[in-house]
N, C-alpha and C. Protein backbone atom coordinates (compact mmCIF):
# COMPACT_ATOMS: atom_id res chain seq x y z
N MET A 1 2.00 202.30 -16.27
CA MET A 1 2.26 202.68 -14.90
C MET A 1 3.74 202.99 -14.72
N ARG A 2 4.01 204.04 -13.98
CA ARG A 2 5.39 204.40 -13.69
C ARG A 2 5.83 203.69 -12.42
N LYS A 3 6.96 203.03 -12.48
CA LYS A 3 7.46 202.32 -11.29
C LYS A 3 7.97 203.32 -10.27
N THR A 4 7.79 202.96 -9.02
CA THR A 4 8.15 203.88 -7.94
C THR A 4 9.26 203.34 -7.05
N GLY A 5 10.00 202.42 -7.52
CA GLY A 5 11.09 201.88 -6.71
C GLY A 5 11.24 200.39 -6.96
N SER A 6 12.26 199.86 -6.37
CA SER A 6 12.53 198.44 -6.59
C SER A 6 11.63 197.57 -5.71
N PHE A 7 11.61 196.33 -6.05
CA PHE A 7 10.86 195.33 -5.30
C PHE A 7 11.77 194.12 -5.18
N PRO A 8 12.81 194.22 -4.32
CA PRO A 8 13.84 193.19 -4.27
C PRO A 8 13.31 191.84 -3.80
N ARG A 9 14.02 190.82 -4.16
CA ARG A 9 13.64 189.45 -3.86
C ARG A 9 13.46 189.22 -2.35
N GLU A 10 14.32 189.81 -1.54
CA GLU A 10 14.23 189.59 -0.09
C GLU A 10 12.98 190.23 0.53
N ASP A 11 12.29 191.08 -0.23
CA ASP A 11 11.05 191.69 0.25
C ASP A 11 9.80 190.93 -0.21
N ARG A 12 9.99 189.81 -0.89
CA ARG A 12 8.86 189.04 -1.42
C ARG A 12 8.71 187.70 -0.72
N ILE A 13 7.47 187.28 -0.54
CA ILE A 13 7.18 185.92 -0.10
C ILE A 13 7.11 185.09 -1.36
N GLN A 14 7.89 184.02 -1.44
CA GLN A 14 7.98 183.28 -2.69
C GLN A 14 7.56 181.82 -2.58
N ARG A 15 7.79 181.21 -1.46
CA ARG A 15 7.53 179.77 -1.34
C ARG A 15 6.12 179.50 -0.84
N ARG A 16 5.57 178.42 -1.29
CA ARG A 16 4.22 178.03 -0.88
C ARG A 16 4.13 177.88 0.63
N GLN A 17 5.16 177.31 1.24
CA GLN A 17 5.16 177.13 2.70
C GLN A 17 5.05 178.47 3.43
N GLU A 18 5.68 179.49 2.89
CA GLU A 18 5.60 180.81 3.52
C GLU A 18 4.19 181.38 3.41
N PHE A 19 3.55 181.20 2.25
CA PHE A 19 2.17 181.65 2.08
C PHE A 19 1.25 180.90 3.05
N LEU A 20 1.46 179.60 3.18
CA LEU A 20 0.63 178.81 4.08
C LEU A 20 0.84 179.20 5.54
N ALA A 21 2.06 179.56 5.90
CA ALA A 21 2.33 180.00 7.27
C ALA A 21 1.58 181.29 7.59
N VAL A 22 1.53 182.20 6.64
CA VAL A 22 0.79 183.44 6.83
C VAL A 22 -0.70 183.13 6.99
N ARG A 23 -1.22 182.26 6.15
CA ARG A 23 -2.63 181.90 6.23
C ARG A 23 -2.95 181.22 7.57
N ALA A 24 -2.04 180.37 8.05
CA ALA A 24 -2.25 179.65 9.30
C ALA A 24 -2.28 180.59 10.51
N ALA A 25 -1.67 181.74 10.40
CA ALA A 25 -1.66 182.70 11.52
C ALA A 25 -3.05 183.24 11.79
N ARG A 26 -3.92 183.21 10.81
CA ARG A 26 -5.32 183.60 10.93
C ARG A 26 -5.50 185.05 11.38
N SER A 27 -4.59 185.92 11.03
CA SER A 27 -4.73 187.36 11.28
C SER A 27 -5.15 187.99 9.96
N ARG A 28 -6.38 188.55 9.93
CA ARG A 28 -6.92 189.07 8.68
C ARG A 28 -7.70 190.35 8.90
N VAL A 29 -7.68 191.19 7.88
CA VAL A 29 -8.56 192.36 7.80
C VAL A 29 -9.02 192.48 6.36
N ARG A 30 -10.16 193.16 6.18
CA ARG A 30 -10.71 193.36 4.84
C ARG A 30 -11.04 194.83 4.63
N ALA A 31 -10.94 195.25 3.38
CA ALA A 31 -11.37 196.58 2.97
C ALA A 31 -11.80 196.48 1.51
N GLY A 32 -13.01 196.87 1.24
CA GLY A 32 -13.51 196.77 -0.13
C GLY A 32 -13.45 195.34 -0.59
N GLY A 33 -12.85 195.09 -1.71
CA GLY A 33 -12.72 193.74 -2.23
C GLY A 33 -11.34 193.14 -2.00
N LEU A 34 -10.64 193.64 -0.99
CA LEU A 34 -9.27 193.19 -0.74
C LEU A 34 -9.12 192.68 0.69
N ARG A 35 -8.54 191.48 0.83
CA ARG A 35 -8.27 190.90 2.14
C ARG A 35 -6.76 190.91 2.35
N LEU A 36 -6.36 191.20 3.58
CA LEU A 36 -4.94 191.19 3.94
C LEU A 36 -4.75 190.21 5.09
N GLU A 37 -3.81 189.29 4.92
CA GLU A 37 -3.44 188.34 5.96
C GLU A 37 -2.00 188.66 6.35
N TRP A 38 -1.66 188.46 7.63
CA TRP A 38 -0.29 188.75 8.04
C TRP A 38 0.18 187.81 9.14
N LEU A 39 1.49 187.75 9.25
CA LEU A 39 2.17 186.93 10.25
C LEU A 39 3.27 187.77 10.85
N VAL A 40 3.31 187.88 12.18
CA VAL A 40 4.37 188.62 12.86
C VAL A 40 5.64 187.78 12.82
N THR A 41 6.75 188.40 12.44
CA THR A 41 8.03 187.70 12.32
C THR A 41 9.08 188.38 13.19
N ALA A 42 10.23 187.76 13.30
CA ALA A 42 11.34 188.32 14.06
C ALA A 42 12.16 189.30 13.22
N SER A 43 11.95 189.32 11.93
CA SER A 43 12.71 190.18 11.02
C SER A 43 12.29 191.64 11.19
N PRO A 44 13.24 192.57 11.07
CA PRO A 44 12.88 193.99 11.14
C PRO A 44 12.24 194.49 9.84
N ARG A 45 12.28 193.69 8.80
CA ARG A 45 11.71 194.07 7.50
C ARG A 45 10.28 193.57 7.39
N HIS A 46 9.62 193.98 6.34
CA HIS A 46 8.34 193.38 6.03
C HIS A 46 8.40 192.84 4.61
N ARG A 47 7.77 191.66 4.45
CA ARG A 47 7.73 191.01 3.13
C ARG A 47 6.28 190.93 2.69
N VAL A 48 6.10 190.76 1.39
CA VAL A 48 4.73 190.76 0.85
C VAL A 48 4.59 189.69 -0.22
N GLY A 49 3.37 189.18 -0.33
CA GLY A 49 3.01 188.24 -1.39
C GLY A 49 1.61 188.56 -1.87
N PHE A 50 1.30 188.15 -3.08
CA PHE A 50 -0.02 188.40 -3.67
C PHE A 50 -0.57 187.09 -4.19
N THR A 51 -1.82 186.80 -3.85
CA THR A 51 -2.46 185.58 -4.30
C THR A 51 -3.75 185.94 -5.01
N VAL A 52 -3.85 185.55 -6.28
CA VAL A 52 -5.07 185.77 -7.05
C VAL A 52 -5.47 184.41 -7.60
N THR A 53 -6.58 183.86 -7.12
CA THR A 53 -6.99 182.52 -7.53
C THR A 53 -7.63 182.53 -8.90
N LYS A 54 -7.69 181.37 -9.51
CA LYS A 54 -8.28 181.23 -10.84
C LYS A 54 -9.77 181.55 -10.86
N PHE A 55 -10.40 181.48 -9.70
CA PHE A 55 -11.82 181.79 -9.63
C PHE A 55 -12.08 183.27 -9.85
N ARG A 56 -11.05 184.08 -9.80
CA ARG A 56 -11.21 185.53 -9.94
C ARG A 56 -11.20 186.01 -11.37
N GLY A 57 -11.00 185.11 -12.34
CA GLY A 57 -11.06 185.54 -13.73
C GLY A 57 -9.97 184.93 -14.58
N SER A 58 -9.86 185.46 -15.78
CA SER A 58 -8.89 184.97 -16.75
C SER A 58 -7.47 185.35 -16.34
N ALA A 59 -6.51 184.72 -16.99
CA ALA A 59 -5.10 185.00 -16.68
C ALA A 59 -4.74 186.47 -16.89
N PRO A 60 -5.17 187.12 -17.98
CA PRO A 60 -4.84 188.55 -18.13
C PRO A 60 -5.42 189.41 -17.01
N LEU A 61 -6.62 189.08 -16.56
CA LEU A 61 -7.23 189.84 -15.47
C LEU A 61 -6.46 189.62 -14.16
N ARG A 62 -6.10 188.38 -13.88
CA ARG A 62 -5.34 188.09 -12.66
C ARG A 62 -3.99 188.79 -12.68
N ASN A 63 -3.32 188.78 -13.83
CA ASN A 63 -2.02 189.46 -13.95
C ASN A 63 -2.16 190.96 -13.77
N ARG A 64 -3.22 191.54 -14.31
CA ARG A 64 -3.47 192.98 -14.15
C ARG A 64 -3.66 193.32 -12.68
N ILE A 65 -4.43 192.50 -11.98
CA ILE A 65 -4.67 192.74 -10.56
C ILE A 65 -3.36 192.66 -9.78
N LYS A 66 -2.53 191.67 -10.08
CA LYS A 66 -1.23 191.54 -9.38
C LYS A 66 -0.32 192.72 -9.68
N ARG A 67 -0.32 193.20 -10.92
CA ARG A 67 0.49 194.38 -11.26
C ARG A 67 0.03 195.60 -10.47
N LEU A 68 -1.30 195.78 -10.38
CA LEU A 68 -1.84 196.91 -9.61
C LEU A 68 -1.46 196.80 -8.13
N LEU A 69 -1.57 195.59 -7.58
CA LEU A 69 -1.23 195.38 -6.18
C LEU A 69 0.24 195.65 -5.91
N ARG A 70 1.12 195.16 -6.81
CA ARG A 70 2.56 195.40 -6.63
C ARG A 70 2.88 196.89 -6.67
N GLU A 71 2.30 197.60 -7.63
CA GLU A 71 2.59 199.02 -7.75
C GLU A 71 2.04 199.79 -6.55
N ALA A 72 0.84 199.44 -6.11
CA ALA A 72 0.26 200.10 -4.93
C ALA A 72 1.13 199.83 -3.70
N TRP A 73 1.65 198.60 -3.59
CA TRP A 73 2.53 198.27 -2.46
C TRP A 73 3.78 199.13 -2.49
N ARG A 74 4.35 199.36 -3.66
CA ARG A 74 5.54 200.21 -3.77
C ARG A 74 5.27 201.60 -3.20
N HIS A 75 4.07 202.11 -3.43
CA HIS A 75 3.71 203.44 -2.95
C HIS A 75 3.39 203.45 -1.45
N GLU A 76 2.72 202.41 -0.97
CA GLU A 76 2.14 202.44 0.37
C GLU A 76 2.86 201.58 1.40
N ARG A 77 3.94 200.92 1.05
CA ARG A 77 4.55 199.95 1.96
C ARG A 77 5.02 200.54 3.28
N GLU A 78 5.40 201.78 3.30
CA GLU A 78 5.89 202.39 4.55
C GLU A 78 4.77 202.64 5.55
N ALA A 79 3.52 202.57 5.12
CA ALA A 79 2.39 202.74 6.03
C ALA A 79 2.15 201.49 6.87
N PHE A 80 2.71 200.36 6.45
CA PHE A 80 2.49 199.10 7.14
C PHE A 80 3.57 198.87 8.18
N PRO A 81 3.19 198.29 9.34
CA PRO A 81 4.18 197.99 10.38
C PRO A 81 5.24 197.00 9.87
N HIS A 82 6.47 197.21 10.27
CA HIS A 82 7.56 196.31 9.89
C HIS A 82 7.54 195.07 10.78
N GLY A 83 8.32 194.07 10.39
CA GLY A 83 8.41 192.85 11.18
C GLY A 83 7.26 191.90 10.94
N ARG A 84 6.67 191.97 9.74
CA ARG A 84 5.54 191.10 9.42
C ARG A 84 5.64 190.65 7.97
N ASP A 85 5.03 189.49 7.71
CA ASP A 85 4.83 189.02 6.34
C ASP A 85 3.37 189.29 5.99
N TYR A 86 3.13 189.88 4.82
CA TYR A 86 1.78 190.23 4.39
C TYR A 86 1.44 189.47 3.12
N VAL A 87 0.19 189.03 3.03
CA VAL A 87 -0.33 188.43 1.80
C VAL A 87 -1.64 189.13 1.47
N PHE A 88 -1.70 189.72 0.28
CA PHE A 88 -2.91 190.37 -0.21
C PHE A 88 -3.68 189.39 -1.07
N VAL A 89 -4.98 189.28 -0.79
CA VAL A 89 -5.85 188.35 -1.52
C VAL A 89 -7.06 189.14 -2.02
N PRO A 90 -7.15 189.41 -3.32
CA PRO A 90 -8.33 190.09 -3.85
C PRO A 90 -9.53 189.16 -3.83
N GLU A 91 -10.65 189.66 -3.32
CA GLU A 91 -11.86 188.85 -3.25
C GLU A 91 -12.87 189.24 -4.32
N ASP A 92 -12.74 190.44 -4.87
CA ASP A 92 -13.67 190.93 -5.89
C ASP A 92 -12.86 191.64 -6.98
N PRO A 93 -12.68 190.99 -8.14
CA PRO A 93 -11.85 191.61 -9.19
C PRO A 93 -12.43 192.92 -9.72
N ASP A 94 -13.73 193.14 -9.55
CA ASP A 94 -14.33 194.39 -10.02
C ASP A 94 -14.00 195.57 -9.11
N ALA A 95 -13.42 195.30 -7.95
CA ALA A 95 -13.09 196.35 -6.99
C ALA A 95 -11.76 197.04 -7.32
N PHE A 96 -11.14 196.70 -8.44
CA PHE A 96 -9.82 197.23 -8.78
C PHE A 96 -9.82 197.94 -10.13
N PRO A 97 -10.56 199.06 -10.24
CA PRO A 97 -10.60 199.75 -11.53
C PRO A 97 -9.32 200.50 -11.86
N GLY A 98 -8.51 200.84 -10.84
CA GLY A 98 -7.28 201.58 -11.11
C GLY A 98 -6.39 201.66 -9.90
N LEU A 99 -5.22 202.22 -10.11
CA LEU A 99 -4.20 202.29 -9.07
C LEU A 99 -4.65 203.13 -7.88
N ALA A 100 -5.33 204.23 -8.12
CA ALA A 100 -5.76 205.10 -7.02
C ALA A 100 -6.67 204.36 -6.05
N VAL A 101 -7.56 203.55 -6.57
CA VAL A 101 -8.49 202.79 -5.72
C VAL A 101 -7.73 201.76 -4.89
N VAL A 102 -6.79 201.06 -5.52
CA VAL A 102 -6.02 200.03 -4.82
C VAL A 102 -5.15 200.68 -3.74
N ARG A 103 -4.57 201.83 -4.03
CA ARG A 103 -3.76 202.52 -3.02
C ARG A 103 -4.62 202.93 -1.83
N GLU A 104 -5.82 203.40 -2.08
CA GLU A 104 -6.72 203.78 -1.00
C GLU A 104 -7.10 202.57 -0.15
N LEU A 105 -7.36 201.43 -0.79
CA LEU A 105 -7.67 200.21 -0.05
C LEU A 105 -6.48 199.81 0.83
N MET A 106 -5.27 199.92 0.30
CA MET A 106 -4.08 199.57 1.09
C MET A 106 -3.90 200.51 2.27
N ARG A 107 -4.15 201.80 2.07
CA ARG A 107 -4.04 202.74 3.19
C ARG A 107 -5.05 202.40 4.28
N THR A 108 -6.26 202.02 3.87
CA THR A 108 -7.29 201.62 4.83
C THR A 108 -6.85 200.39 5.62
N LEU A 109 -6.30 199.41 4.91
CA LEU A 109 -5.83 198.19 5.57
C LEU A 109 -4.69 198.50 6.54
N ALA A 110 -3.78 199.37 6.13
CA ALA A 110 -2.66 199.73 7.00
C ALA A 110 -3.15 200.40 8.29
N LYS A 111 -4.16 201.25 8.19
CA LYS A 111 -4.72 201.89 9.38
C LYS A 111 -5.37 200.86 10.30
N ARG A 112 -6.07 199.90 9.70
CA ARG A 112 -6.74 198.88 10.51
C ARG A 112 -5.74 197.99 11.24
N ILE A 113 -4.64 197.66 10.56
CA ILE A 113 -3.60 196.84 11.20
C ILE A 113 -2.93 197.62 12.32
N SER A 114 -2.62 198.88 12.06
CA SER A 114 -1.96 199.70 13.09
C SER A 114 -2.85 199.84 14.32
N ALA A 115 -4.16 199.92 14.11
CA ALA A 115 -5.09 200.05 15.23
C ALA A 115 -5.14 198.76 16.05
N ARG A 116 -4.90 197.63 15.43
CA ARG A 116 -4.93 196.34 16.13
C ARG A 116 -3.66 196.08 16.92
N SER A 117 -2.57 196.74 16.55
CA SER A 117 -1.27 196.47 17.18
C SER A 117 -1.12 197.17 18.50
């Protein structure tokens, strides 16, 4: 995969408490096998995190899914409203055959979030 830009530390959700805060907000949408949770923040930026549980498969499969999600986010991040923390949670590992599919799922999720705002 060709990288499409940086993914700086300040754009990532890193701490468990931050992931739990997003989950506690209970704002969710789904598309295909991908769930998106978000939390509205005071920051003008948007941050992102990816959670792939062990129930979704072996470590190489989970790492592949996270790589696909990160690369798709690099392409599609401007479609998402700023001022929010996002956490992507894959629910079906078979729903991610390639980057094009993941990008399409992200575009769908971005449209659904924009419609709710």
